[in-house]
Structure formats: structure tokens, C-alpha cells
Amino acid sequence: MTAASYAILFSGALAGGFVSGLAGFGTALMALGIWLYVLPPTLAVPLVLICSVIAQVSTLPSIWKTIDFRLIWPFIIGGLAGVPIGILLIAHADPIVFKRTIGVFLVVFPMVLYFQKAPMAIRFGGKWADTAIGFAGGILGGLAGLSGPLPILWASLRGWGKAERRGVFQTFNFTILATALCVQVASGLVRGEIVWLVLCAFPGTLLGAWLGARVYHAMSDRNFSDIVLGLLVLSGIGLLWSGFAAR
């Protein structure tokens, strides 16, 4: 790799870490598009997974006291049960149809929530509904690494505050991503050369996550909600772009 390639690697790590520190998710949304300019998908995807876990771990201490584990455990139980099913579905799902379907959902639904003037606080289903959403998120995580969108949107519908939402989907995403990483390592999908790339990306990821966390703590509930919904829309646009470009 050239010096320019290392600079791109660091820039992607910084951008991905910042968004993760700011919103509790989104490392892949920012970093993957940058890293694919200099890395093949076989290296870029596991690197995103590892840097996501690094960013999540580095910012957990700053929000630890605000995490309500009574809200989180149903999502995690459901998510862990859903991951193996998602992995099994990989061989049967049409990736183009999947990208277009989820892409439309992620563009339309967050925009509806953004323009919804009246505050929402749905109580339907209680813990069972939370577990079901976690289960569906786990399936999407195992299938395509998209564990976050459903729990994130559901937390918004519940009407939870900034700290409650951040605690739910950061802890959920960390658990699902760490599980997926362990599965990949055990399956031999993480190649030895990834170690050097992780060492190069590590400083940028930590710096970005630290900066993002500083901005997060300065934001209001409304600002945080708008950023989260905006990131989901960008994720949906990216899926639609790749889905239609494939044809």
C-alpha cells in the first residue's frame, strides 16, 4: 500500500469512528465507502466489523451510567436468537430484492418520523414486542450486517429519550457485531493480513469515536433524533443505489 492508501485508510477510520461515537452506530455507513477505494471487500468488510467493535467499546464507558439494562435485555435475547437464522438465509435470499426492499423502508420510514410533529410513545407489546424487534434485527444482522435499523426505529417509536435510545442500540449493536466477529474468526474468514490494517486504523477509530462522543453529550434530544434519522436515510439511499446499480 502507498502513503496515499494509508491516508485513505486513516480517513475512513476517523469518519467511521466519529459517526459511531456520535450516534452509537454507522461505522460501516461512513468507513466502508472510503475503504473500498483501496481495499477489496474481503478485507474491508471484516475491518469495518472490527473497527465497529473498537469504537463501541471505547465509547461505552462515557454512557455506561445512563444505560437502562431493563430496556436492553429483550433486544439482546431476541437478536442473538435471530443471528443464526440470518446466516442460514444468506444462501437463499436475493441480494438485489433485499437491498431494494430494505432501502425503501430506510428512506421512507425515518422521513415519516422526522415530519411527525406530535411526539410518539407507543407502548404496544411491552417486552415481547421489544424481543421480536431484536429478533428481526438479529436476522438482518446475520443476513447483511444490518442489525441496527429496526431497533433504532423502534426506540424512536417508543418515545424514549436520547440516553435510553443510545443505550439500547449501542449495546444491541455491540453484542450482535461482536458475535458476528467471533463467528467469522472461528470460521476462518478473518485473514492474517487484517491485523496490520487494524493497527493502522486503530488510532483514527479511537480519535473519531472520542470526538463523536464529545459532540453527542452536547446535543439535545431533538438534535440526536434528527441525526439518527438522517443516518438511516443515508443508509437506505446507499442500499438503493447498490441495488439498482447491480442491474
Protein backbone atom coordinates (compact mmCIF):
# COMPACT_ATOMS: atom_id res chain seq x y z
CA MET A 1 0.00 0.00 0.00
CA THR A 2 1.14 3.54 -0.77
CA ALA A 3 1.23 6.52 1.60
CA ALA A 4 -1.97 7.79 -0.06
CA SER A 5 -3.67 4.44 0.64
CA TYR A 6 -2.74 4.65 4.31
CA ALA A 7 -4.09 8.20 4.43
CA ILE A 8 -7.39 6.97 2.98
CA LEU A 9 -7.44 4.12 5.50
CA PHE A 10 -6.95 6.59 8.37
CA SER A 11 -9.58 8.99 6.97
CA GLY A 12 -12.15 6.20 6.75
CA ALA A 13 -11.36 5.13 10.31
CA LEU A 14 -11.70 8.71 11.56
CA ALA A 15 -15.04 9.24 9.79
CA GLY A 16 -16.44 5.87 10.88
CA GLY A 17 -15.30 6.33 14.47
CA PHE A 18 -16.79 9.84 14.63
CA VAL A 19 -20.23 8.72 13.48
CA SER A 20 -20.15 5.74 15.84
CA GLY A 21 -19.17 7.97 18.76
CA LEU A 22 -21.86 10.47 17.81
CA ALA A 23 -24.80 8.15 17.16
CA GLY A 24 -23.80 4.73 18.54
CA PHE A 25 -23.81 3.13 15.08
CA GLY A 26 -22.84 3.93 11.49
CA THR A 27 -19.18 2.88 11.22
CA ALA A 28 -19.91 0.87 8.08
CA LEU A 29 -22.04 3.68 6.62
CA MET A 30 -19.10 6.11 6.68
CA ALA A 31 -15.98 3.95 6.52
CA LEU A 32 -16.85 1.22 4.03
CA GLY A 33 -17.37 3.54 1.06
CA ILE A 34 -13.97 5.14 1.72
CA TRP A 35 -12.03 1.93 2.34
CA LEU A 36 -13.34 0.19 -0.77
CA TYR A 37 -11.24 2.61 -2.82
CA VAL A 38 -8.05 0.95 -1.54
CA LEU A 39 -9.16 -2.43 -0.12
CA PRO A 40 -11.01 -5.43 -1.57
CA PRO A 41 -14.36 -6.30 0.09
CA THR A 42 -12.80 -9.42 1.65
CA LEU A 43 -10.61 -7.12 3.77
CA ALA A 44 -12.81 -4.01 4.03
CA VAL A 45 -15.85 -5.80 5.48
CA PRO A 46 -14.08 -7.57 8.40
CA LEU A 47 -12.10 -4.36 9.04
CA VAL A 48 -15.38 -2.47 9.39
CA LEU A 49 -16.65 -5.12 11.79
CA ILE A 50 -13.53 -4.92 13.97
CA CYS A 51 -13.41 -1.11 13.97
CA SER A 52 -17.12 -1.00 14.83
CA VAL A 53 -16.48 -3.11 17.91
CA ILE A 54 -13.45 -0.94 18.84
CA ALA A 55 -15.50 2.27 18.54
CA GLN A 56 -18.38 0.79 20.54
CA VAL A 57 -16.09 -0.38 23.35
CA SER A 58 -14.25 2.96 23.53
CA THR A 59 -17.46 4.99 23.98
CA LEU A 60 -19.35 2.61 26.29
CA PRO A 61 -17.71 4.00 29.49
CA SER A 62 -18.99 7.51 28.71
CA ILE A 63 -22.63 6.34 28.57
CA TRP A 64 -22.45 3.39 30.98
CA LYS A 65 -24.21 5.14 33.87
CA THR A 66 -27.13 6.14 31.63
CA ILE A 67 -27.79 2.64 30.23
CA ASP A 68 -31.07 1.10 31.41
CA PHE A 69 -30.49 -2.66 31.17
CA ARG A 70 -34.19 -3.29 31.82
CA LEU A 71 -34.84 -1.89 28.35
CA ILE A 72 -31.93 -3.64 26.66
CA TRP A 73 -32.11 -7.32 27.60
CA PRO A 74 -35.19 -8.21 25.47
CA PHE A 75 -33.49 -6.82 22.35
CA ILE A 76 -30.26 -8.72 23.01
CA ILE A 77 -32.00 -12.04 23.70
CA GLY A 78 -34.07 -11.71 20.53
CA GLY A 79 -31.08 -10.54 18.50
CA LEU A 80 -28.82 -13.43 19.49
CA ALA A 81 -31.59 -15.88 18.59
CA GLY A 82 -32.04 -14.23 15.18
CA VAL A 83 -28.38 -14.11 14.05
CA PRO A 84 -28.07 -17.86 13.17
CA ILE A 85 -31.28 -17.69 11.13
CA GLY A 86 -29.96 -14.72 9.19
CA ILE A 87 -26.72 -16.58 8.46
CA LEU A 88 -28.71 -19.58 7.18
CA LEU A 89 -30.76 -17.29 4.91
CA ILE A 90 -27.67 -15.91 3.15
CA ALA A 91 -27.69 -18.76 0.63
CA HIS A 92 -31.39 -18.27 -0.21
CA ALA A 93 -32.04 -14.52 -0.19
CA ASP A 94 -31.94 -12.49 -3.41
CA PRO A 95 -29.46 -9.70 -2.54
CA ILE A 96 -30.92 -7.27 -5.09
CA VAL A 97 -34.50 -7.64 -3.83
CA PHE A 98 -33.24 -7.43 -0.26
CA LYS A 99 -31.30 -4.21 -0.85
CA ARG A 100 -34.21 -2.54 -2.65
CA THR A 101 -36.80 -3.56 -0.05
CA ILE A 102 -34.78 -2.52 3.00
CA GLY A 103 -33.53 0.57 1.16
CA VAL A 104 -37.06 1.85 0.50
CA PHE A 105 -38.02 1.15 4.12
CA LEU A 106 -35.00 3.06 5.45
CA VAL A 107 -35.68 6.06 3.23
CA VAL A 108 -39.44 6.35 3.76
CA PHE A 109 -39.98 5.42 7.41
CA PRO A 110 -37.35 7.73 9.01
CA MET A 111 -38.65 10.62 6.88
CA VAL A 112 -42.19 9.97 8.15
CA LEU A 113 -40.88 10.05 11.73
CA TYR A 114 -38.95 13.25 11.03
CA PHE A 115 -42.03 15.10 9.80
CA GLN A 116 -44.25 13.67 12.54
CA LYS A 117 -44.95 16.72 14.69
CA ALA A 118 -46.73 15.05 17.59
CA PRO A 119 -44.38 13.14 19.94
CA MET A 120 -44.82 9.37 19.78
CA ALA A 121 -44.71 6.97 22.72
CA ILE A 122 -46.02 3.57 21.59
CA ARG A 123 -46.43 1.08 24.43
CA PHE A 124 -47.73 -1.82 22.32
CA GLY A 125 -46.45 -5.31 23.14
CA GLY A 126 -44.12 -4.40 26.01
CA LYS A 127 -41.05 -6.61 26.40
CA TRP A 128 -42.39 -9.20 23.96
CA ALA A 129 -42.54 -6.64 21.16
CA ASP A 130 -39.02 -5.45 22.04
CA THR A 131 -37.79 -9.06 21.85
CA ALA A 132 -39.47 -9.53 18.46
CA ILE A 133 -37.80 -6.38 17.11
CA GLY A 134 -34.44 -7.59 18.44
CA PHE A 135 -35.05 -10.98 16.80
CA ALA A 136 -35.77 -9.33 13.43
CA GLY A 137 -32.71 -7.12 13.86
CA GLY A 138 -30.60 -10.19 14.61
CA ILE A 139 -31.81 -11.87 11.40
CA LEU A 140 -30.93 -8.77 9.37
CA GLY A 141 -27.58 -8.61 11.15
CA GLY A 142 -26.75 -12.22 10.32
CA LEU A 143 -28.00 -11.82 6.76
CA ALA A 144 -26.47 -8.49 5.80
CA GLY A 145 -24.87 -6.82 8.82
CA LEU A 146 -27.90 -4.53 9.23
CA SER A 147 -28.63 -5.24 12.88
CA GLY A 148 -29.26 -1.62 13.83
CA PRO A 149 -32.08 -0.05 11.77
CA LEU A 150 -35.09 -1.88 13.25
CA PRO A 151 -34.17 -1.41 16.95
CA ILE A 152 -33.21 2.20 16.24
CA LEU A 153 -36.55 2.99 14.60
CA TRP A 154 -38.45 1.07 17.28
CA ALA A 155 -36.71 3.04 20.04
CA SER A 156 -37.84 6.24 18.32
CA LEU A 157 -41.44 4.98 18.16
CA ARG A 158 -41.29 4.14 21.86
CA GLY A 159 -40.66 7.80 22.57
CA TRP A 160 -37.53 7.14 24.63
CA GLY A 161 -35.08 9.91 25.35
CA LYS A 162 -31.57 10.35 23.96
CA ALA A 163 -29.82 8.36 26.68
CA GLU A 164 -32.34 5.50 26.58
CA ARG A 165 -32.19 5.17 22.78
CA ARG A 166 -28.39 5.41 22.68
CA GLY A 167 -28.10 2.77 25.40
CA VAL A 168 -30.43 0.39 23.58
CA PHE A 169 -28.99 0.42 20.11
CA GLN A 170 -25.31 0.85 21.02
CA THR A 171 -25.43 -2.10 23.42
CA PHE A 172 -27.50 -4.14 20.96
CA ASN A 173 -25.22 -3.39 18.02
CA PHE A 174 -22.11 -4.11 20.05
CA THR A 175 -23.48 -7.52 21.11
CA ILE A 176 -24.55 -8.53 17.58
CA LEU A 177 -21.36 -7.24 15.91
CA ALA A 178 -19.10 -8.90 18.49
CA THR A 179 -20.97 -12.16 18.00
CA ALA A 180 -20.66 -11.89 14.21
CA LEU A 181 -16.93 -11.16 14.56
CA CYS A 182 -16.42 -14.24 16.74
CA VAL A 183 -18.28 -16.38 14.18
CA GLN A 184 -16.11 -15.03 11.35
CA VAL A 185 -12.90 -15.65 13.30
CA ALA A 186 -13.99 -19.18 14.20
CA SER A 187 -14.90 -19.83 10.55
CA GLY A 188 -11.50 -18.68 9.31
CA LEU A 189 -12.97 -15.75 7.38
CA VAL A 190 -10.70 -13.19 9.07
CA ARG A 191 -7.35 -13.31 7.28
CA GLY A 192 -4.00 -12.69 8.97
CA GLU A 193 -3.24 -9.57 6.93
CA ILE A 194 -6.18 -7.81 8.59
CA VAL A 195 -4.05 -7.39 11.75
CA TRP A 196 -1.82 -4.75 10.15
CA LEU A 197 -4.82 -2.89 8.74
CA VAL A 198 -6.47 -2.85 12.18
CA LEU A 199 -3.29 -1.41 13.71
CA CYS A 200 -3.28 1.34 11.07
CA ALA A 201 -6.97 2.14 11.51
CA PHE A 202 -6.95 1.90 15.32
CA PRO A 203 -5.75 5.49 16.09
CA GLY A 204 -8.24 7.06 13.67
CA THR A 205 -11.10 4.98 15.04
CA LEU A 206 -10.34 5.94 18.65
CA LEU A 207 -9.84 9.63 17.83
CA GLY A 208 -13.04 9.78 15.77
CA ALA A 209 -15.06 7.97 18.43
CA TRP A 210 -13.77 10.34 21.12
CA LEU A 211 -14.68 13.42 19.07
CA GLY A 212 -18.10 11.98 18.22
CA ALA A 213 -18.84 11.20 21.87
CA ARG A 214 -17.96 14.78 22.84
CA VAL A 215 -20.45 16.11 20.30
CA TYR A 216 -23.10 13.57 21.41
CA HIS A 217 -23.02 14.75 25.03
CA ALA A 218 -23.53 18.35 23.89
CA MET A 219 -26.62 17.55 21.79
CA SER A 220 -30.28 17.88 22.74
CA ASP A 221 -32.80 15.04 22.35
CA ARG A 222 -34.15 16.62 19.18
CA ASN A 223 -30.73 17.10 17.60
CA PHE A 224 -29.82 13.49 18.37
CA SER A 225 -33.08 12.19 16.91
CA ASP A 226 -32.62 14.19 13.70
CA ILE A 227 -29.05 12.91 13.21
CA VAL A 228 -30.06 9.29 13.80
CA LEU A 229 -32.95 9.51 11.32
CA GLY A 230 -30.70 11.25 8.79
CA LEU A 231 -28.10 8.49 9.03
CA LEU A 232 -30.79 5.87 8.48
CA VAL A 233 -31.98 7.70 5.34
CA LEU A 234 -28.40 7.83 4.03
CA SER A 235 -28.06 4.11 4.71
CA GLY A 236 -31.27 3.46 2.75
CA ILE A 237 -30.09 5.58 -0.17
CA GLY A 238 -26.83 3.63 -0.23
CA LEU A 239 -28.69 0.31 -0.34
CA LEU A 240 -30.98 1.52 -3.14
CA TRP A 241 -28.00 2.80 -5.12
CA SER A 242 -26.14 -0.50 -4.89
CA GLY A 243 -29.35 -2.46 -5.55
CA PHE A 244 -30.19 -0.65 -8.77
CA ALA A 245 -26.56 -0.26 -9.90
CA ALA A 246 -26.24 -4.06 -9.80
CA ARG A 247 -28.77 -4.32 -12.63
